[in-house]
Amino acid sequence: MKHYQQQPNAFPSDYLNNLWGEIQACSYFATNNLNRDFVGTKGFSVVFKRSHIPTVEQKFPYFKPYLDLALQPVCNAFYLNPLQLKAGSRVDPHIDRSLRSYCKTVEPPALVSVLYVRVPENMEGGELILKSHKRQLGQIKPQANTLLYFQGDLMHSVNPVKTSGTRLSLVCEQYSLSEAELAEIPEFTVESRIAQSTTKKRK
């Protein structure tokens, strides 16, 4: 993969509609638990090892088609999160290392997969910017039902959304960890601002 690749028309349209509804109705879906780079966004996060993909599919059956298509066989730990942006939302430049709250030595993921579930018509803003050492490698305008993969070590950001409506994506950081690193990662946990008693807070 050279920096990034896109797969249009990844799923049947009724799956996207179902995914949208299920995520909106999910009790964990709230103001984001992610760090301060995620401005005005909503979501929740699911941390799991490859061995616990069946657990994810049992608790979130609507994620199964995405996981079947998007997860790469070389990866053994995953950080999955729906991400919703609306007018005024943005994501500041960062490199993904969300599993670092569990294991300090974790390097960036091997790759990140993003499914654009819903994109406002004629959306202004909301483009994904990919950079390496300050050199821009891509400015990607989201298209609904496109599955995007990009290198996990790239600096990336999302431009401020200027139009009304919501932009929902399903993002998965996919890691290839050593046995020692993998031992420090939860087999399965949900991170959310809601129901913190049953989930694990980020450090």
Protein backbone atom coordinates (compact mmCIF):
# COMPACT_ATOMS: atom_id res chain seq x y z
CA MET A 1 0.00 0.00 0.00
CA LYS A 2 1.46 3.33 -1.05
CA HIS A 3 0.35 5.74 1.69
CA TYR A 4 -3.38 5.11 1.17
CA GLN A 5 -5.94 3.34 -0.99
CA GLN A 6 -9.70 3.60 -1.40
CA GLN A 7 -12.36 0.98 -2.10
CA PRO A 8 -15.62 2.60 -3.31
CA ASN A 9 -19.04 0.96 -2.97
CA ALA A 10 -17.71 -1.29 -0.23
CA PHE A 11 -21.10 -2.42 1.13
CA PRO A 12 -24.78 -2.63 0.18
CA SER A 13 -26.54 0.66 0.94
CA ASP A 14 -28.96 -0.99 3.37
CA TYR A 15 -25.99 -2.05 5.51
CA LEU A 16 -24.83 1.57 5.79
CA ASN A 17 -28.31 2.69 6.80
CA ASN A 18 -28.49 -0.05 9.43
CA LEU A 19 -25.00 0.78 10.70
CA TRP A 20 -25.92 4.45 10.99
CA GLY A 21 -29.06 3.66 12.99
CA GLU A 22 -27.39 1.13 15.28
CA ILE A 23 -24.50 3.47 16.12
CA GLN A 24 -26.85 6.39 16.81
CA ALA A 25 -28.94 4.17 19.11
CA CYS A 26 -25.96 2.62 20.95
CA SER A 27 -25.92 3.42 24.67
CA TYR A 28 -22.14 4.06 24.52
CA PHE A 29 -22.44 6.74 21.80
CA ALA A 30 -21.63 10.08 23.44
CA THR A 31 -19.21 13.01 23.47
CA ASN A 32 -15.92 11.46 22.45
CA ASN A 33 -13.63 9.76 24.95
CA LEU A 34 -10.70 10.45 22.60
CA ASN A 35 -8.10 13.10 23.34
CA ARG A 36 -8.22 16.87 22.82
CA ASP A 37 -7.35 16.55 19.10
CA PHE A 38 -10.96 15.47 18.51
CA VAL A 39 -12.94 18.73 18.68
CA GLY A 40 -16.74 18.62 18.80
CA THR A 41 -16.94 14.92 17.94
CA LYS A 42 -19.00 11.99 19.23
CA GLY A 43 -18.22 8.29 19.45
CA PHE A 44 -17.03 5.40 21.58
CA SER A 45 -14.18 2.91 21.28
CA VAL A 46 -13.86 -0.87 21.30
CA VAL A 47 -10.46 -2.38 22.13
CA PHE A 48 -9.96 -6.06 21.28
CA LYS A 49 -7.50 -8.74 20.30
CA ARG A 50 -7.93 -10.96 17.26
CA SER A 51 -8.94 -13.81 19.60
CA HIS A 52 -11.94 -11.76 20.73
CA ILE A 53 -13.39 -10.74 17.37
CA PRO A 54 -16.34 -13.10 18.13
CA THR A 55 -17.00 -11.15 21.35
CA VAL A 56 -17.15 -7.88 19.42
CA GLU A 57 -19.51 -9.44 16.87
CA GLN A 58 -21.73 -10.80 19.64
CA LYS A 59 -22.04 -7.46 21.44
CA PHE A 60 -22.05 -5.30 18.29
CA PRO A 61 -23.40 -7.56 15.51
CA TYR A 62 -23.72 -4.60 13.14
CA PHE A 63 -19.91 -4.28 13.07
CA LYS A 64 -19.44 -7.81 11.68
CA PRO A 65 -19.59 -7.05 7.91
CA TYR A 66 -17.09 -4.20 8.40
CA LEU A 67 -14.75 -6.40 10.45
CA ASP A 68 -14.99 -9.24 7.92
CA LEU A 69 -13.91 -6.93 5.12
CA ALA A 70 -11.57 -4.45 6.79
CA LEU A 71 -9.46 -6.40 9.30
CA GLN A 72 -6.08 -7.45 7.97
CA PRO A 73 -4.73 -10.94 8.78
CA VAL A 74 -1.28 -9.65 9.79
CA CYS A 75 -2.79 -7.60 12.64
CA ASN A 76 -3.57 -8.94 16.11
CA ALA A 77 -4.92 -5.97 18.13
CA PHE A 78 -7.51 -3.40 17.17
CA TYR A 79 -8.93 -0.07 18.29
CA LEU A 80 -12.33 0.48 16.66
CA ASN A 81 -14.33 3.67 16.97
CA PRO A 82 -17.32 5.27 15.29
CA LEU A 83 -16.52 8.96 14.78
CA GLN A 84 -19.20 11.59 14.17
CA LEU A 85 -18.49 15.16 13.11
CA LYS A 86 -20.97 17.97 12.49
CA ALA A 87 -20.71 21.68 11.68
CA GLY A 88 -17.72 23.11 13.57
CA SER A 89 -16.18 19.70 14.37
CA ARG A 90 -12.58 18.96 13.40
CA VAL A 91 -9.73 16.59 14.18
CA ASP A 92 -6.34 18.19 14.76
CA PRO A 93 -3.11 16.66 13.37
CA HIS A 94 -2.02 13.50 15.19
CA ILE A 95 -0.56 10.03 14.69
CA ASP A 96 -2.69 7.18 16.01
CA ARG A 97 -1.37 5.33 19.06
CA SER A 98 -4.59 4.75 20.98
CA LEU A 99 -3.35 1.48 22.52
CA ARG A 100 -0.53 3.37 24.24
CA SER A 101 -2.79 3.92 27.25
CA TYR A 102 -2.39 0.17 27.90
CA CYS A 103 1.16 -0.43 26.65
CA LYS A 104 3.67 2.43 26.63
CA THR A 105 5.95 0.89 23.99
CA VAL A 106 3.27 0.52 21.32
CA GLU A 107 4.27 1.95 17.96
CA PRO A 108 1.68 3.37 15.54
CA PRO A 109 -0.69 0.85 13.94
CA ALA A 110 0.31 -1.01 10.79
CA LEU A 111 -2.64 0.62 9.07
CA VAL A 112 -5.89 2.44 9.75
CA SER A 113 -9.14 1.57 7.98
CA VAL A 114 -11.97 4.12 7.65
CA LEU A 115 -15.47 3.44 6.35
CA TYR A 116 -17.45 6.57 5.53
CA VAL A 117 -20.91 5.57 6.74
CA ARG A 118 -22.68 8.88 6.10
CA VAL A 119 -21.51 12.11 4.50
CA PRO A 120 -23.70 15.24 4.17
CA GLU A 121 -24.63 16.13 0.61
CA ASN A 122 -22.44 18.89 -0.86
CA MET A 123 -20.33 18.85 2.30
CA GLU A 124 -17.84 21.67 2.69
CA GLY A 125 -14.80 20.82 4.78
CA GLY A 126 -14.33 17.48 6.50
CA GLU A 127 -11.48 16.36 4.22
CA LEU A 128 -8.93 13.91 5.59
CA ILE A 129 -5.38 15.30 5.30
CA LEU A 130 -2.48 12.81 5.30
CA LYS A 131 1.08 13.99 5.89
CA SER A 132 4.55 12.55 6.40
CA HIS A 133 7.22 14.82 7.87
CA LYS A 134 5.14 17.91 6.95
CA ARG A 135 4.80 16.76 3.34
CA GLN A 136 1.18 16.38 2.33
CA LEU A 137 0.47 13.01 0.74
CA GLY A 138 -3.26 13.27 0.30
CA GLN A 139 -6.37 15.38 0.78
CA ILE A 140 -9.28 12.98 0.67
CA LYS A 141 -12.85 14.17 0.31
CA PRO A 142 -15.06 11.64 2.10
CA GLN A 143 -17.49 9.69 -0.04
CA ALA A 144 -20.22 7.62 1.59
CA ASN A 145 -19.63 3.86 1.33
CA THR A 146 -15.92 4.24 0.58
CA LEU A 147 -13.53 2.09 2.62
CA LEU A 148 -10.18 3.83 2.98
CA TYR A 149 -6.91 2.38 4.24
CA PHE A 150 -3.88 4.49 5.13
CA GLN A 151 -0.45 3.84 6.64
CA GLY A 152 -0.67 3.90 10.41
CA ASP A 153 2.41 6.06 10.91
CA LEU A 154 1.08 9.03 8.92
CA MET A 155 0.20 12.32 10.57
CA HIS A 156 -3.44 13.00 9.78
CA SER A 157 -6.22 15.46 10.51
CA VAL A 158 -9.77 16.28 9.45
CA ASN A 159 -10.58 19.79 8.25
CA PRO A 160 -13.39 21.65 10.07
CA VAL A 161 -16.84 20.67 8.80
CA LYS A 162 -18.66 23.75 7.52
CA THR A 163 -22.02 22.36 6.44
CA SER A 164 -24.99 21.12 8.46
CA GLY A 165 -25.67 17.42 8.78
CA THR A 166 -23.42 14.74 10.22
CA ARG A 167 -20.34 12.97 8.88
CA LEU A 168 -20.06 9.50 10.40
CA SER A 169 -17.12 7.18 9.86
CA LEU A 170 -16.09 3.87 11.37
CA VAL A 171 -12.38 3.88 12.11
CA CYS A 172 -10.15 0.95 13.06
CA GLU A 173 -6.51 1.23 14.08
CA GLN A 174 -4.97 -2.15 13.25
CA TYR A 175 -1.82 -3.17 15.12
CA SER A 176 0.73 -5.93 14.70
CA LEU A 177 2.10 -6.33 18.23
CA SER A 178 4.78 -8.48 19.80
CA GLU A 179 3.71 -11.14 22.31
CA ALA A 180 4.93 -8.95 25.19
CA GLU A 181 2.95 -5.94 23.96
CA LEU A 182 -0.11 -8.03 23.24
CA ALA A 183 -0.09 -9.33 26.82
CA GLU A 184 -0.72 -5.78 28.09
CA ILE A 185 -3.73 -5.12 25.85
CA PRO A 186 -7.23 -5.99 27.08
CA GLU A 187 -8.81 -8.95 25.35
CA PHE A 188 -11.98 -6.88 24.99
CA THR A 189 -13.13 -3.60 26.53
CA VAL A 190 -15.32 -0.64 25.62
CA GLU A 191 -14.24 2.95 26.25
CA SER A 192 -17.05 5.49 26.53
CA ARG A 193 -18.01 8.63 28.45
CA ILE A 194 -21.20 6.74 29.30
CA ALA A 195 -21.32 3.65 31.52
CA GLN A 196 -17.78 4.20 32.77
CA SER A 197 -18.41 1.67 35.53
CA THR A 198 -18.40 -1.12 32.94
CA THR A 199 -15.67 0.29 30.75
CA LYS A 200 -12.07 1.25 31.17
CA LYS A 201 -11.09 4.91 31.22
CA ARG A 202 -8.24 6.15 29.09
CA LYS A 203 -5.22 7.20 31.10
